[in-house]
Amino acid sequence: DYPEATHIFIHAKEEDRLHRITKYYGEKEEGARELMHKIDKKRASFHEYYTGEKWGLAGSYHLSIDSGCLEIEETAKLLADFAKGRSSRSL
């Protein structure tokens, strides 16, 4: 474990994620859904292999954000502010 690391989980409802994938990446909805599930499976496998914890459980993270409630820029600012505040507390 790395105590200086900040663990963040970004999630959204499936329909919000599909909308973002089709809007920003030009994927058709069915292809976007398939891609999303494939990537989620890889993320879960990676996370569980390296941490021994189930992917997505809130207790495994310092912060969990529903990105469906925010624009990308707002999510990025929230993450930067959180990381900055967390690092200043560590000093």
Protein backbone atom coordinates (compact mmCIF):
# COMPACT_ATOMS: atom_id res chain seq x y z
CA ASP A 1 0.00 0.00 0.00
CA TYR A 2 1.15 3.55 -0.73
CA PRO A 3 -0.08 5.90 2.01
CA GLU A 4 0.80 8.97 -0.07
CA ALA A 5 -1.42 7.79 -2.95
CA THR A 6 -4.88 9.26 -3.40
CA HIS A 7 -7.47 6.64 -4.33
CA ILE A 8 -10.37 7.97 -6.39
CA PHE A 9 -13.29 6.17 -8.02
CA ILE A 10 -15.17 7.95 -10.80
CA HIS A 11 -18.51 6.43 -11.74
CA ALA A 12 -21.75 7.37 -13.48
CA LYS A 13 -25.02 5.79 -14.49
CA GLU A 14 -24.77 3.68 -17.61
CA GLU A 15 -26.90 6.07 -19.67
CA ASP A 16 -24.67 9.02 -18.70
CA ARG A 17 -21.56 7.05 -19.62
CA LEU A 18 -23.05 5.98 -22.96
CA HIS A 19 -24.00 9.55 -23.77
CA ARG A 20 -20.47 10.76 -23.06
CA ILE A 21 -18.86 7.98 -25.12
CA THR A 22 -21.10 8.64 -28.12
CA LYS A 23 -20.71 12.42 -27.85
CA TYR A 24 -16.95 12.66 -27.36
CA TYR A 25 -15.70 9.56 -29.14
CA GLY A 26 -18.24 9.24 -31.94
CA GLU A 27 -19.10 5.62 -31.09
CA LYS A 28 -22.54 4.27 -31.96
CA GLU A 29 -24.54 3.32 -28.87
CA GLU A 30 -24.27 -0.48 -29.22
CA GLY A 31 -20.52 -0.29 -29.85
CA ALA A 32 -20.18 2.14 -26.95
CA ARG A 33 -22.03 -0.22 -24.60
CA GLU A 34 -19.82 -3.16 -25.60
CA LEU A 35 -16.66 -1.08 -25.24
CA MET A 36 -17.76 0.23 -21.84
CA HIS A 37 -18.40 -3.27 -20.46
CA LYS A 38 -15.10 -4.57 -21.84
CA ILE A 39 -13.12 -1.71 -20.26
CA ASP A 40 -14.98 -2.05 -16.95
CA LYS A 41 -14.11 -5.73 -16.83
CA LYS A 42 -10.43 -4.93 -17.38
CA ARG A 43 -10.49 -2.17 -14.74
CA ALA A 44 -12.11 -4.48 -12.20
CA SER A 45 -9.63 -7.25 -12.90
CA PHE A 46 -6.65 -4.89 -12.64
CA HIS A 47 -7.92 -3.32 -9.41
CA GLU A 48 -8.75 -6.62 -7.74
CA TYR A 49 -5.43 -8.19 -8.77
CA TYR A 50 -3.31 -5.35 -7.36
CA THR A 51 -5.36 -4.49 -4.28
CA GLY A 52 -7.16 -7.69 -3.35
CA GLU A 53 -10.30 -5.57 -3.01
CA LYS A 54 -13.48 -5.51 -5.06
CA TRP A 55 -13.51 -2.72 -7.65
CA GLY A 56 -15.96 0.10 -6.97
CA LEU A 57 -16.56 -0.35 -3.24
CA ALA A 58 -16.60 3.11 -1.65
CA GLY A 59 -14.52 2.01 1.34
CA SER A 60 -11.55 1.35 -0.94
CA TYR A 61 -11.28 4.98 -2.02
CA HIS A 62 -10.62 8.38 -0.47
CA LEU A 63 -13.14 9.94 -2.84
CA SER A 64 -15.93 8.65 -5.07
CA ILE A 65 -17.45 10.96 -7.69
CA ASP A 66 -20.56 10.58 -9.85
CA SER A 67 -19.27 12.19 -13.04
CA GLY A 68 -22.76 12.12 -14.52
CA CYS A 69 -23.56 15.11 -12.30
CA LEU A 70 -20.67 17.24 -13.57
CA GLU A 71 -19.05 18.29 -16.82
CA ILE A 72 -15.55 16.95 -17.49
CA GLU A 73 -13.92 20.28 -16.60
CA GLU A 74 -15.83 20.46 -13.30
CA THR A 75 -14.82 16.89 -12.41
CA ALA A 76 -11.17 17.69 -13.20
CA LYS A 77 -11.27 20.79 -10.97
CA LEU A 78 -12.87 18.83 -8.13
CA LEU A 79 -10.17 16.16 -8.41
CA ALA A 80 -7.36 18.73 -8.50
CA ASP A 81 -8.75 20.58 -5.48
CA PHE A 82 -9.20 17.35 -3.53
CA ALA A 83 -5.67 16.13 -4.32
CA LYS A 84 -4.21 19.52 -3.44
CA GLY A 85 -6.07 19.60 -0.12
CA ARG A 86 -5.10 16.02 0.67
CA SER A 87 -1.41 16.63 -0.09
CA SER A 88 -1.32 19.79 2.06
CA ARG A 89 -2.70 17.77 5.01
CA SER A 90 0.07 15.19 4.57
CA LEU A 91 2.84 17.75 5.09
